[in-house]
Amino acid sequence: MVGLSPPAVTVTASLPTWDRLNDINRLTVVTRLLTSAVHDSSNALQVISATAELMEDSADDPEKVRARARTLASTAARVSERLRELVGLAFDPVGPPCRLDCGAVARRAVALRQYSLSRARIAVQVAPADREFPVMCDANDLVRMVVNLVLNAERALAKRPGARIDLDLKLNAEHVVLAVSDNGPGVPSELESNLFEPFAGAGGPGMGLTVVRGLASRYGGTLALAANSAEGATFQLTLPAAH
């Protein structure tokens, strides 16, 4: 009909819901950890193969056979544990919070990224295991929070000479504080105001920081940009201390 026009349609891009964002991030983290897992598994298979050959050569020496059997068992157990961790991160439902040592979990998270960190020539320093930093949290959620913060630092340090990440822990009467620092170029000033929004701007941090803040909130914690300069940035994850 003359004079009639179709109604105007406004198309808006919607961000994924928190649950969807969380699921995407879970699989993204597992994918990023697969490289290290494949490398570790390949090394372990080489150790198992070489040890099996040595066992055959020393079949007439029971003590050597027993020692090499222990090597086979410990190597297989290590690889099995790494694969169980990846499967758990990908598929395990969130369980009730349990008491965890945040320092031990931080070291575990760094170990999951060690191969990729070494290839990128990024040095990592984790707080020494001389005391406990107890929190109440789901184990996989806490691992994912730390891995996301390490991945964020890695991204800032891409191709940077002398790259370094430090994970420092503090415990006060009420909280455990994990500070993840890097010596990268710092967070661009134009990104600071919406840093924790998903996919914040070109060159922004993707969804990782958004998910860390959401997971921290689930356990009564917070995530903040604690320091920022041209010499690096520090993100501070604060969780209630377990008593």
Foldseek 3Di string as FASTA:
>chain_A
DPPDDDDDDDDDDDDDDLVVLLLVLLVVLLVLLVVVLVVLVVVLVVLLVVLVVVCVVVVVPVVSNVVSVVVNVVSVVVSVVLVVLSCCSNDPDFDFWDKDFLQVLLVVLCSSCVVVCVVQVEAEEGPDPPDGFIATGGSSLSSLLNNLLVVLQCLQCGPPPPKYWYWDWDDDPWKIKTKIKIQGQWDPPVQQVPLLPAPRDVVGSHNSSVSSQVRQVVQVWGWDFPDTHRRITMIMTMGTTDD
